[in-house]
C-alpha atoms as a PDB file:
ATOM      1  CA  GLU A   1       0.554  -8.919 -43.669  1.00  0.00           C
ATOM      2  CA  LYS A   2       2.019 -12.449 -45.094  1.00  0.00           C
ATOM      3  CA  GLY A   3       5.209 -11.722 -43.314  1.00  0.00           C
ATOM      4  CA  TYR A   4       3.469 -11.216 -40.356  1.00  0.00           C
ATOM      5  CA  TRP A   5       1.037 -14.416 -40.628  1.00  0.00           C
ATOM      6  CA  LEU A   6       4.031 -16.393 -41.266  1.00  0.00           C
ATOM      7  CA  GLU A   7       6.037 -14.946 -38.449  1.00  0.00           C
ATOM      8  CA  MET A   8       3.492 -15.628 -35.792  1.00  0.00           C
ATOM      9  CA  ASN A   9       2.471 -18.819 -36.893  1.00  0.00           C
ATOM     10  CA  GLY A  10       6.141 -20.078 -36.578  1.00  0.00           C
ATOM     11  CA  ASP A  11       7.184 -20.538 -40.088  1.00  0.00           C
ATOM     12  CA  ASN A  12       9.853 -19.640 -42.320  1.00  0.00           C
ATOM     13  CA  ASP A  13      11.736 -16.417 -40.851  1.00  0.00           C
ATOM     14  CA  THR A  14      13.725 -16.150 -43.877  1.00  0.00           C
ATOM     15  CA  GLN A  15      10.657 -16.215 -45.781  1.00  0.00           C
ATOM     16  CA  SER A  16       8.930 -13.813 -43.619  1.00  0.00           C
ATOM     17  CA  LEU A  17      11.851 -11.488 -43.754  1.00  0.00           C
ATOM     18  CA  LYS A  18      12.166 -11.143 -47.754  1.00  0.00           C
ATOM     19  CA  LEU A  19       8.483 -10.182 -47.731  1.00  0.00           C
ATOM     20  CA  TYR A  20       9.284  -7.377 -45.064  1.00  0.00           C
ATOM     21  CA  GLU A  21      12.440  -6.445 -47.158  1.00  0.00           C
ATOM     22  CA  GLN A  22      10.224  -6.170 -50.287  1.00  0.00           C
ATOM     23  CA  ALA A  23       7.242  -4.085 -48.073  1.00  0.00           C
ATOM     24  CA  ILE A  24      10.345  -1.773 -47.679  1.00  0.00           C
ATOM     25  CA  ARG A  25      11.707  -1.477 -51.450  1.00  0.00           C
ATOM     26  CA  LEU A  26       7.879  -0.821 -52.180  1.00  0.00           C
ATOM     27  CA  SER A  27       7.040   1.572 -49.381  1.00  0.00           C
ATOM     28  CA  PRO A  28      10.374   2.625 -47.854  1.00  0.00           C
ATOM     29  CA  ARG A  29       8.504   5.146 -45.388  1.00  0.00           C
ATOM     30  CA  TRP A  30       6.533   2.206 -43.987  1.00  0.00           C
ATOM     31  CA  VAL A  31       7.252   1.979 -40.448  1.00  0.00           C
ATOM     32  CA  LEU A  32       5.602  -1.799 -39.458  1.00  0.00           C
ATOM     33  CA  ALA A  33       7.654  -3.178 -42.291  1.00  0.00           C
ATOM     34  CA  ASN A  34      10.972  -2.078 -40.837  1.00  0.00           C
ATOM     35  CA  TYR A  35       9.548  -2.879 -37.489  1.00  0.00           C
ATOM     36  CA  PHE A  36       8.702  -6.291 -38.638  1.00  0.00           C
ATOM     37  CA  ALA A  37      11.864  -6.684 -40.660  1.00  0.00           C
ATOM     38  CA  GLY A  38      13.815  -6.316 -37.722  1.00  0.00           C
ATOM     39  CA  ARG A  39      11.633  -8.645 -35.669  1.00  0.00           C
ATOM     40  CA  SER A  40      12.769 -11.010 -38.516  1.00  0.00           C
ATOM     41  CA  ASN A  41      16.549 -10.227 -38.705  1.00  0.00           C
ATOM     42  CA  GLY A  42      16.362 -10.691 -34.398  1.00  0.00           C
ATOM     43  CA  TYR A  43      15.134 -14.145 -34.995  1.00  0.00           C
ATOM     44  CA  ILE A  44      17.315 -15.064 -38.143  1.00  0.00           C
ATOM     45  CA  HIS A  45      20.385 -14.321 -35.566  1.00  0.00           C
ATOM     46  CA  ASN A  46      21.557 -10.953 -37.624  1.00  0.00           C
ATOM     47  CA  PRO A  47      21.128  -8.426 -34.795  1.00  0.00           C
ATOM     48  CA  ASP A  48      23.369  -5.705 -36.437  1.00  0.00           C
ATOM     49  CA  LYS A  49      21.065  -5.921 -38.823  1.00  0.00           C
ATOM     50  CA  ALA A  50      17.726  -5.861 -36.995  1.00  0.00           C
ATOM     51  CA  ILE A  51      19.049  -2.552 -34.985  1.00  0.00           C
ATOM     52  CA  THR A  52      19.594  -0.823 -38.348  1.00  0.00           C
ATOM     53  CA  TYR A  53      15.904  -1.746 -39.216  1.00  0.00           C
ATOM     54  CA  PHE A  54      14.724  -0.631 -35.898  1.00  0.00           C
ATOM     55  CA  LYS A  55      16.422   2.827 -36.080  1.00  0.00           C
ATOM     56  CA  ASN A  56      15.010   3.098 -39.560  1.00  0.00           C
ATOM     57  CA  ALA A  57      11.629   2.685 -37.913  1.00  0.00           C
ATOM     58  CA  ILE A  58      12.417   5.128 -35.342  1.00  0.00           C
ATOM     59  CA  ASP A  59      13.454   7.882 -37.627  1.00  0.00           C
ATOM     60  CA  LEU A  60      10.333   7.416 -39.807  1.00  0.00           C
ATOM     61  CA  ASP A  61       7.764   7.169 -36.899  1.00  0.00           C
ATOM     62  CA  SER A  62       9.202   8.340 -33.505  1.00  0.00           C
ATOM     63  CA  SER A  63       5.846   7.700 -32.140  1.00  0.00           C
ATOM     64  CA  PHE A  64       6.024   3.959 -32.384  1.00  0.00           C
ATOM     65  CA  LEU A  65       6.860   2.778 -29.144  1.00  0.00           C
ATOM     66  CA  PRO A  66       7.120  -0.807 -29.919  1.00  0.00           C
ATOM     67  CA  THR A  67      10.281   0.096 -31.747  1.00  0.00           C
ATOM     68  CA  TYR A  68      12.184   1.087 -28.494  1.00  0.00           C
ATOM     69  CA  LEU A  69      11.330  -1.759 -26.815  1.00  0.00           C
ATOM     70  CA  ALA A  70      12.779  -3.971 -29.394  1.00  0.00           C
ATOM     71  CA  LEU A  71      15.775  -2.101 -29.858  1.00  0.00           C
ATOM     72  CA  GLY A  72      16.245  -2.633 -25.844  1.00  0.00           C
ATOM     73  CA  GLN A  73      15.773  -6.101 -26.260  1.00  0.00           C
ATOM     74  CA  SER A  74      18.433  -6.533 -28.985  1.00  0.00           C
ATOM     75  CA  PHE A  75      21.056  -5.922 -27.016  1.00  0.00           C
ATOM     76  CA  ASN A  76      22.076  -7.939 -23.831  1.00  0.00           C
ATOM     77  CA  LYS A  77      20.133  -7.321 -20.779  1.00  0.00           C
ATOM     78  CA  GLY A  78      22.079  -4.905 -18.545  1.00  0.00           C
ATOM     79  CA  THR A  79      24.257  -3.333 -21.605  1.00  0.00           C
ATOM     80  CA  LYS A  80      24.412   0.392 -21.547  1.00  0.00           C
ATOM     81  CA  GLU A  81      22.986   0.077 -25.559  1.00  0.00           C
ATOM     82  CA  GLY A  82      19.947  -1.932 -24.235  1.00  0.00           C
ATOM     83  CA  ASN A  83      18.999   0.254 -20.984  1.00  0.00           C
ATOM     84  CA  PHE A  84      19.373   3.215 -23.164  1.00  0.00           C
ATOM     85  CA  TRP A  85      16.720   2.056 -25.137  1.00  0.00           C
ATOM     86  CA  PHE A  86      14.753   0.777 -22.719  1.00  0.00           C
ATOM     87  CA  GLU A  87      14.866   3.870 -20.574  1.00  0.00           C
ATOM     88  CA  LYS A  88      13.466   5.387 -23.875  1.00  0.00           C
ATOM     89  CA  TYR A  89      10.738   3.047 -24.241  1.00  0.00           C
ATOM     90  CA  VAL A  90       9.981   4.001 -20.205  1.00  0.00           C
ATOM     91  CA  GLU A  91      10.096   7.671 -20.832  1.00  0.00           C
ATOM     92  CA  LYS A  92       7.683   7.735 -23.694  1.00  0.00           C
ATOM     93  CA  MET A  93       5.203   4.909 -22.737  1.00  0.00           C
ATOM     94  CA  LYS A  94       4.862   6.836 -19.200  1.00  0.00           C
ATOM     95  CA  GLU A  95       4.297  10.207 -21.306  1.00  0.00           C
ATOM     96  CA  TYR A  96       2.058   8.039 -23.784  1.00  0.00           C
ATOM     97  CA  ILE A  97       0.115   7.081 -20.241  1.00  0.00           C
ATOM     98  CA  ARG A  98      -0.085  10.803 -18.949  1.00  0.00           C
ATOM     99  CA  ASN A  99      -1.637  12.118 -22.609  1.00  0.00           C
ATOM    100  CA  HIS A 100      -4.355   9.242 -22.746  1.00  0.00           C
ATOM    101  CA  PRO A 101      -5.765   8.437 -18.944  1.00  0.00           C
ATOM    102  CA  GLY A 102      -8.028   5.149 -19.346  1.00  0.00           C
ATOM    103  CA  LYS A 103      -7.349   4.515 -22.535  1.00  0.00           C
ATOM    104  CA  VAL A 104      -4.190   2.510 -22.406  1.00  0.00           C
ATOM    105  CA  PRO A 105      -3.977  -0.797 -23.438  1.00  0.00           C
ATOM    106  CA  VAL A 106      -3.402  -3.586 -21.008  1.00  0.00           C
ATOM    107  CA  THR A 107      -0.289  -4.933 -23.133  1.00  0.00           C
ATOM    108  CA  TYR A 108       1.166  -1.639 -22.354  1.00  0.00           C
ATOM    109  CA  TYR A 109       1.340  -2.168 -18.749  1.00  0.00           C
ATOM    110  CA  ASN A 110       2.622  -5.380 -19.197  1.00  0.00           C
ATOM    111  CA  TYR A 111       5.637  -4.427 -21.430  1.00  0.00           C
ATOM    112  CA  LEU A 112       6.149  -1.420 -19.361  1.00  0.00           C
ATOM    113  CA  GLY A 113       6.448  -3.554 -15.972  1.00  0.00           C
ATOM    114  CA  ASN A 114       8.811  -6.233 -18.413  1.00  0.00           C
ATOM    115  CA  SER A 115      11.136  -2.583 -19.192  1.00  0.00           C
ATOM    116  CA  LEU A 116      11.362  -1.633 -15.959  1.00  0.00           C
ATOM    117  CA  SER A 117      12.273  -5.061 -14.740  1.00  0.00           C
ATOM    118  CA  CYS A 118      14.942  -5.339 -17.482  1.00  0.00           C
ATOM    119  CA  LEU A 119      16.125  -2.110 -16.077  1.00  0.00           C
ATOM    120  CA  GLY A 120      16.296  -3.320 -12.828  1.00  0.00           C
ATOM    121  CA  ARG A 121      13.350  -0.975 -11.103  1.00  0.00           C
ATOM    122  CA  TRP A 122      11.423  -3.861  -9.102  1.00  0.00           C
ATOM    123  CA  GLU A 123       8.810  -1.390  -7.476  1.00  0.00           C
ATOM    124  CA  GLU A 124       8.093   0.313 -10.674  1.00  0.00           C
ATOM    125  CA  ALA A 125       7.638  -2.871 -12.550  1.00  0.00           C
ATOM    126  CA  GLU A 126       5.607  -3.987  -9.993  1.00  0.00           C
ATOM    127  CA  ASP A 127       3.313  -0.849 -10.333  1.00  0.00           C
ATOM    128  CA  ALA A 128       2.983  -1.075 -13.533  1.00  0.00           C
ATOM    129  CA  LEU A 129       2.101  -4.520 -14.022  1.00  0.00           C
ATOM    130  CA  LEU A 130      -0.253  -4.329 -11.061  1.00  0.00           C
ATOM    131  CA  VAL A 131      -2.341  -1.665 -13.255  1.00  0.00           C
ATOM    132  CA  GLY A 132      -2.042  -3.711 -16.158  1.00  0.00           C
ATOM    133  CA  GLU A 133      -3.458  -7.081 -13.789  1.00  0.00           C
ATOM    134  CA  ALA A 134      -6.393  -4.755 -12.634  1.00  0.00           C
ATOM    135  CA  LEU A 135      -7.318  -3.776 -16.441  1.00  0.00           C
ATOM    136  CA  SER A 136      -6.947  -7.377 -17.503  1.00  0.00           C
ATOM    137  CA  ASN A 137      -9.764  -8.200 -14.926  1.00  0.00           C
ATOM    138  CA  HIS A 138      -7.237 -10.583 -13.565  1.00  0.00           C
ATOM    139  CA  SER A 139      -7.282 -12.701 -17.014  1.00  0.00           C
ATOM    140  CA  TYR A 140      -4.106 -11.690 -18.793  1.00  0.00           C
ATOM    141  CA  TYR A 141      -1.222 -14.597 -18.275  1.00  0.00           C
ATOM    142  CA  ARG A 142       1.589 -12.578 -19.201  1.00  0.00           C
ATOM    143  CA  ILE A 143       0.904 -10.038 -16.807  1.00  0.00           C
ATOM    144  CA  TYR A 144       1.142 -12.755 -14.163  1.00  0.00           C
ATOM    145  CA  SER A 145       4.452 -14.485 -15.647  1.00  0.00           C
ATOM    146  CA  ASN A 146       6.337 -10.950 -15.208  1.00  0.00           C
ATOM    147  CA  LEU A 147       5.043 -10.346 -11.846  1.00  0.00           C
ATOM    148  CA  GLY A 148       6.414 -13.311 -10.870  1.00  0.00           C
ATOM    149  CA  PHE A 149       9.972 -12.753 -12.269  1.00  0.00           C
ATOM    150  CA  VAL A 150       9.325  -9.253 -10.814  1.00  0.00           C
ATOM    151  CA  TYR A 151       8.389 -10.689  -7.220  1.00  0.00           C
ATOM    152  CA  ARG A 152      11.130 -13.507  -7.669  1.00  0.00           C
ATOM    153  CA  ALA A 153      13.604 -10.599  -7.803  1.00  0.00           C
ATOM    154  CA  MET A 154      12.057  -8.835  -4.867  1.00  0.00           C
ATOM    155  CA  LYS A 155      12.511 -11.947  -2.720  1.00  0.00           C
ATOM    156  CA  LYS A 156       9.008 -12.177  -2.483  1.00  0.00           C
ATOM    157  CA  TYR A 157       8.626 -15.608  -3.264  1.00  0.00           C
ATOM    158  CA  GLU A 158       5.343 -16.478  -1.704  1.00  0.00           C
ATOM    159  CA  ASP A 159       4.002 -13.709  -4.172  1.00  0.00           C
ATOM    160  CA  SER A 160       6.133 -15.091  -7.059  1.00  0.00           C
ATOM    161  CA  ALA A 161       4.688 -18.579  -6.592  1.00  0.00           C
ATOM    162  CA  LYS A 162       0.978 -17.342  -6.874  1.00  0.00           C
ATOM    163  CA  ALA A 163       1.734 -15.141 -10.259  1.00  0.00           C
ATOM    164  CA  PHE A 164       3.613 -18.066 -11.672  1.00  0.00           C
ATOM    165  CA  LYS A 165       0.255 -20.726 -10.819  1.00  0.00           C
ATOM    166  CA  LYS A 166      -2.068 -17.892 -11.762  1.00  0.00           C
ATOM    167  CA  ALA A 167      -0.349 -17.411 -15.180  1.00  0.00           C
ATOM    168  CA  ILE A 168      -0.185 -21.366 -15.682  1.00  0.00           C
ATOM    169  CA  SER A 169      -3.834 -21.723 -14.638  1.00  0.00           C
ATOM    170  CA  LEU A 170      -4.750 -18.721 -17.222  1.00  0.00           C
ATOM    171  CA  SER A 171      -2.405 -20.342 -20.089  1.00  0.00           C
ATOM    172  CA  PRO A 172      -1.542 -23.929 -19.112  1.00  0.00           C
ATOM    173  CA  LEU A 173       0.128 -24.768 -22.406  1.00  0.00           C
ATOM    174  CA  THR A 174       2.246 -21.351 -22.711  1.00  0.00           C
END
């Protein structure tokens, strides 16, 4: 937990990585330690090591979906490897949504929309983000930020501007 706190509060990535690696040594089957070690490695610009930690996390628990998203983000957008992991994430997230109707958090729709966007599947991304928007009672700024990018890619410039303005009004300092 201390490593996560350090990472989320902008403190020393190297220190948080050391704590995650210590956690892995003490509990090698702990998925979260592998996942966050991968995230720390990615932030420290060692994507190969990050990918190793993410793949370890999937080997330990293939149902922990954030790892698939992190793997997609570990590769350059549009690469074969990145697209593979984004596709895996989309597939697993859609299955999760089917199996847990009415119990899916807003952030999951945001991540799904973001992943679909990275794959250039704009209409599907828009649909996922709009579900998230409704579930959030129009209050989650990241949904609007992602919608802004999706609408821009779809050449819906007025909708894009509205979405970005809404994101700014909900969270002016981010």
